[in-house]
């Protein structure tokens, strides 16, 4: 049996203009998925460029929406604008996140507001996106039997006490409970899963510093960082496979075994 085709479906990717989000966008576009990219105002040049490239390369519909995914109103506008521009949305990739580098024993590293900001974007944003899209997915399921797909970008830090900072790890762990709760309580008309990468090399992760990156690579059984294309491919597979829900898929080159 041929794999399920994704051609003609519509997707929104928060934080989709750069890094892993952009690679996910390219992989979905290569499958014939129409893509809407989300970013903040300063992401507009990258979003505009990528949107144009995807449209011309893959002959798909593309759009972008500049909006803050860390607020409930922003998430609702992201979903509403995607539907306005693409006509509907079947795939929601909650990829936007935030952290900063801080020693775990530095109790003053994050202000109260920074803790709150971490919680809003890393934990609540996937919930708010789902809340906004839920009425559309329910009505679509009742009319056609189609099932909506939510996938969040999590982290090895959500599974273990590792990562850039304590708030990041704590709020990513909370995100996993959100995904499980959505999956358990909203079938059969919606699926929800999370992808938990280990070390991936992006402009952001380079802030770890070469020495720390090299140590993490050496510690992993596969002796490498997670390939961005491999990671993006897992998002595609989760979109395609309609029997998986409520799961977190770890992609870490085995690093969790030694963390």
Protein backbone atom coordinates (compact mmCIF):
# COMPACT_ATOMS: atom_id res chain seq x y z
CA UNK A 1 0.00 0.00 0.00
CA UNK A 2 1.34 3.44 -0.92
CA UNK A 3 1.97 5.92 1.92
CA UNK A 4 -0.88 8.33 2.59
CA UNK A 5 -0.57 11.38 0.37
CA UNK A 6 -0.43 14.80 2.02
CA UNK A 7 -0.82 16.66 -1.26
CA UNK A 8 -3.34 19.48 -1.10
CA UNK A 9 -3.49 19.68 2.69
CA UNK A 10 -2.83 23.01 4.40
CA UNK A 11 -0.37 23.61 7.24
CA UNK A 12 0.61 26.43 9.58
CA UNK A 13 4.08 26.40 11.14
CA UNK A 14 4.80 28.77 14.01
CA UNK A 15 8.40 29.91 14.07
CA UNK A 16 8.47 28.72 10.47
CA UNK A 17 10.71 31.31 8.84
CA UNK A 18 14.06 29.95 10.01
CA UNK A 19 15.83 27.06 11.70
CA UNK A 20 14.01 23.77 12.11
CA UNK A 21 10.68 25.43 11.28
CA UNK A 22 11.92 26.40 7.83
CA UNK A 23 13.22 22.89 7.17
CA UNK A 24 9.85 21.43 8.21
CA UNK A 25 8.15 23.87 5.84
CA UNK A 26 10.35 22.72 2.96
CA UNK A 27 9.69 19.04 3.67
CA UNK A 28 5.94 19.55 3.85
CA UNK A 29 6.02 21.64 0.68
CA UNK A 30 7.91 18.85 -1.09
CA UNK A 31 4.94 16.60 -0.25
CA UNK A 32 2.53 19.05 -1.90
CA UNK A 33 1.30 20.63 1.33
CA UNK A 34 0.28 24.29 1.13
CA UNK A 35 2.18 26.18 3.81
CA UNK A 36 1.59 29.26 5.94
CA UNK A 37 4.61 30.51 7.87
CA UNK A 38 4.38 32.35 11.17
CA UNK A 39 6.97 34.63 12.70
CA UNK A 40 7.40 37.96 14.43
CA UNK A 41 7.79 41.31 12.68
CA UNK A 42 11.57 40.99 12.39
CA UNK A 43 11.09 37.64 10.62
CA UNK A 44 9.24 39.20 7.68
CA UNK A 45 12.16 39.25 5.18
CA UNK A 46 12.94 35.58 5.84
CA UNK A 47 9.26 34.59 5.79
CA UNK A 48 8.64 36.46 2.56
CA UNK A 49 11.69 34.93 0.89
CA UNK A 50 10.93 31.36 2.00
CA UNK A 51 7.26 31.70 1.07
CA UNK A 52 8.22 32.79 -2.44
CA UNK A 53 10.79 30.01 -2.80
CA UNK A 54 8.36 27.29 -1.72
CA UNK A 55 5.65 28.56 -4.04
CA UNK A 56 7.89 28.65 -7.10
CA UNK A 57 9.77 25.41 -6.37
CA UNK A 58 6.84 23.17 -5.44
CA UNK A 59 3.88 24.91 -7.13
CA UNK A 60 1.94 25.17 -3.87
CA UNK A 61 0.00 27.93 -2.17
CA UNK A 62 2.00 29.78 0.47
CA UNK A 63 1.40 32.61 2.90
CA UNK A 64 2.86 34.08 6.05
CA UNK A 65 1.42 35.75 9.12
CA UNK A 66 3.41 38.01 11.45
CA UNK A 67 1.97 37.40 14.90
CA UNK A 68 3.04 36.65 18.47
CA UNK A 69 2.43 32.95 19.19
CA UNK A 70 2.94 33.50 22.92
CA UNK A 71 -0.53 35.01 23.44
CA UNK A 72 -3.96 33.44 23.12
CA UNK A 73 -5.17 36.27 20.88
CA UNK A 74 -2.08 35.88 18.71
CA UNK A 75 -2.61 32.14 18.32
CA UNK A 76 -6.24 32.67 17.34
CA UNK A 77 -5.19 35.23 14.73
CA UNK A 78 -2.57 32.82 13.38
CA UNK A 79 -5.20 30.13 12.83
CA UNK A 80 -7.82 32.55 11.49
CA UNK A 81 -5.36 34.15 9.06
CA UNK A 82 -4.15 30.76 7.83
CA UNK A 83 -7.73 29.71 7.08
CA UNK A 84 -8.41 33.06 5.42
CA UNK A 85 -5.36 32.76 3.16
CA UNK A 86 -5.34 29.01 2.44
CA UNK A 87 -9.03 28.18 2.83
CA UNK A 88 -8.64 25.64 5.64
CA UNK A 89 -5.98 24.08 7.85
CA UNK A 90 -5.44 20.40 8.58
CA UNK A 91 -1.92 20.49 10.05
CA UNK A 92 -0.70 22.71 12.90
CA UNK A 93 3.02 22.63 13.71
CA UNK A 94 3.59 24.36 17.06
CA UNK A 95 7.28 25.01 16.55
CA UNK A 96 7.82 28.44 18.14
CA UNK A 97 9.69 28.44 21.44
CA UNK A 98 11.96 30.54 23.61
CA UNK A 99 14.81 30.21 26.07
CA UNK A 100 18.10 31.75 27.03
CA UNK A 101 21.27 30.13 28.29
CA UNK A 102 21.66 30.03 32.06
CA UNK A 103 23.30 27.76 34.61
CA UNK A 104 20.73 25.60 36.37
CA UNK A 105 22.08 26.59 39.78
CA UNK A 106 21.75 30.31 39.03
CA UNK A 107 18.45 31.07 40.75
CA UNK A 108 18.56 34.70 39.65
CA UNK A 109 19.14 34.01 35.95
CA UNK A 110 15.46 34.25 34.98
CA UNK A 111 13.19 37.02 36.18
CA UNK A 112 9.60 36.29 37.13
CA UNK A 113 8.48 37.69 33.78
CA UNK A 114 10.95 35.50 31.88
CA UNK A 115 9.58 32.42 33.64
CA UNK A 116 6.08 33.50 32.61
CA UNK A 117 7.22 34.18 29.04
CA UNK A 118 8.77 30.70 28.87
CA UNK A 119 5.52 29.14 30.04
CA UNK A 120 3.42 31.09 27.55
CA UNK A 121 5.38 30.18 24.44
CA UNK A 122 6.72 26.73 25.37
CA UNK A 123 3.68 25.30 27.17
CA UNK A 124 0.56 27.33 26.43
CA UNK A 125 1.10 28.20 22.77
CA UNK A 126 0.35 24.67 21.47
CA UNK A 127 -2.78 24.61 23.63
CA UNK A 128 -3.95 28.01 22.37
CA UNK A 129 -3.35 27.01 18.76
CA UNK A 130 -5.36 23.85 19.29
CA UNK A 131 -8.15 25.73 21.06
CA UNK A 132 -8.40 28.09 18.07
CA UNK A 133 -8.44 25.35 15.43
CA UNK A 134 -10.64 22.88 17.34
CA UNK A 135 -14.04 24.13 16.07
CA UNK A 136 -12.83 23.88 12.48
CA UNK A 137 -11.49 20.36 12.95
CA UNK A 138 -14.64 19.18 14.70
CA UNK A 139 -16.90 20.42 11.92
CA UNK A 140 -14.58 19.02 9.25
CA UNK A 141 -14.59 15.60 10.92
CA UNK A 142 -18.37 15.61 11.12
CA UNK A 143 -18.67 16.60 7.46
CA UNK A 144 -15.91 14.53 5.85
CA UNK A 145 -14.29 12.32 8.49
CA UNK A 146 -10.96 14.14 8.18
CA UNK A 147 -8.74 14.22 11.27
CA UNK A 148 -6.70 17.28 12.26
CA UNK A 149 -3.02 16.90 13.13
CA UNK A 150 -1.17 18.90 15.82
CA UNK A 151 2.57 18.39 16.26
CA UNK A 152 4.68 20.34 18.73
CA UNK A 153 8.43 20.81 18.64
CA UNK A 154 9.59 19.69 22.05
CA UNK A 155 13.10 18.80 23.18
CA UNK A 156 15.25 16.26 24.94
CA UNK A 157 15.15 18.91 27.67
CA UNK A 158 11.44 18.15 28.11
CA UNK A 159 12.31 14.56 29.02
CA UNK A 160 15.44 15.01 31.13
CA UNK A 161 16.93 17.66 33.39
CA UNK A 162 19.15 19.02 30.64
CA UNK A 163 19.15 21.86 28.16
CA UNK A 164 19.78 25.57 28.00
CA UNK A 165 18.04 26.46 31.26
CA UNK A 166 15.76 25.19 34.01
CA UNK A 167 12.72 27.20 32.78
CA UNK A 168 13.11 25.74 29.29
CA UNK A 169 13.22 22.17 30.59
CA UNK A 170 10.31 22.73 32.98
CA UNK A 171 8.05 24.34 30.38
CA UNK A 172 8.90 21.80 27.68
CA UNK A 173 8.00 19.02 30.14
CA UNK A 174 4.69 20.79 30.70
CA UNK A 175 4.13 20.91 26.95
CA UNK A 176 4.24 17.11 26.80
CA UNK A 177 1.34 16.92 29.27
CA UNK A 178 -0.59 19.40 27.10
CA UNK A 179 -0.05 17.22 24.03
CA UNK A 180 -1.09 14.06 25.87
CA UNK A 181 -4.17 15.78 27.28
CA UNK A 182 -5.24 17.04 23.87
CA UNK A 183 -4.70 13.63 22.28
CA UNK A 184 -6.58 11.69 24.96
CA UNK A 185 -9.59 13.97 25.15
CA UNK A 186 -10.11 15.02 21.53
CA UNK A 187 -10.03 11.85 19.46
CA UNK A 188 -11.23 10.78 17.02
CA UNK A 189 -11.32 14.15 15.26
CA UNK A 190 -7.81 15.28 16.24
CA UNK A 191 -4.38 13.76 16.78
CA UNK A 192 -1.58 15.36 18.80
CA UNK A 193 2.08 14.35 19.05
CA UNK A 194 5.44 15.88 19.92
CA UNK A 195 8.92 15.55 18.44
CA UNK A 196 11.77 15.78 20.96
CA UNK A 197 15.09 16.54 19.25
CA UNK A 198 18.41 16.40 21.00
CA UNK A 199 21.23 18.55 19.67
CA UNK A 200 20.43 20.06 16.29
CA UNK A 201 22.77 22.59 14.71
CA UNK A 202 20.98 25.85 14.01
CA UNK A 203 21.94 29.49 14.37
CA UNK A 204 20.38 29.42 17.83
CA UNK A 205 22.04 26.21 19.08
CA UNK A 206 25.48 27.50 18.08
CA UNK A 207 25.19 29.76 21.12
CA UNK A 208 26.01 26.69 23.21
CA UNK A 209 29.60 27.20 22.09
CA UNK A 210 31.80 24.85 20.11
CA UNK A 211 33.29 23.14 23.16
CA UNK A 212 29.91 22.17 24.64
CA UNK A 213 28.56 21.08 21.25
CA UNK A 214 31.61 18.86 20.67
CA UNK A 215 31.15 17.26 24.11
CA UNK A 216 27.49 16.48 23.39
CA UNK A 217 28.37 14.99 20.01
CA UNK A 218 31.10 12.84 21.54
CA UNK A 219 28.74 11.67 24.32
CA UNK A 220 26.05 10.47 21.92
CA UNK A 221 26.26 6.83 20.77
CA UNK A 222 26.00 7.93 17.12
CA UNK A 223 28.73 10.56 17.58
CA UNK A 224 26.85 13.27 15.73
CA UNK A 225 24.20 15.96 16.05
CA UNK A 226 20.66 15.25 14.88
CA UNK A 227 20.33 15.90 11.15
CA UNK A 228 17.82 18.68 10.50
CA UNK A 229 16.34 16.89 7.50
CA UNK A 230 15.90 13.69 9.54
CA UNK A 231 14.14 15.68 12.23
CA UNK A 232 11.85 17.43 9.75
CA UNK A 233 11.07 14.08 8.14
CA UNK A 234 9.63 12.85 11.45
CA UNK A 235 7.09 15.67 11.36
CA UNK A 236 6.06 14.53 7.88
CA UNK A 237 5.73 10.92 9.05
CA UNK A 238 3.55 11.98 11.99
CA UNK A 239 1.33 13.92 9.59
CA UNK A 240 1.06 10.86 7.38
CA UNK A 241 0.53 8.12 9.99
CA UNK A 242 -3.04 8.34 11.26
CA UNK A 243 -2.59 5.68 13.96
CA UNK A 244 -0.23 7.66 16.20
CA UNK A 245 -1.49 10.09 18.84
CA UNK A 246 -0.42 11.22 22.30
CA UNK A 247 3.21 10.26 21.73
CA UNK A 248 6.56 11.99 21.97
CA UNK A 249 9.16 10.85 19.47
CA UNK A 250 12.73 11.26 20.68
CA UNK A 251 15.35 12.07 18.03
CA UNK A 252 18.64 12.54 19.83
CA UNK A 253 21.26 10.19 18.35
CA UNK A 254 20.95 8.24 21.61
CA UNK A 255 21.96 11.16 23.84
CA UNK A 256 19.12 10.54 26.34
CA UNK A 257 20.74 7.23 27.28
CA UNK A 258 23.78 9.05 28.62
CA UNK A 259 22.17 12.29 29.89
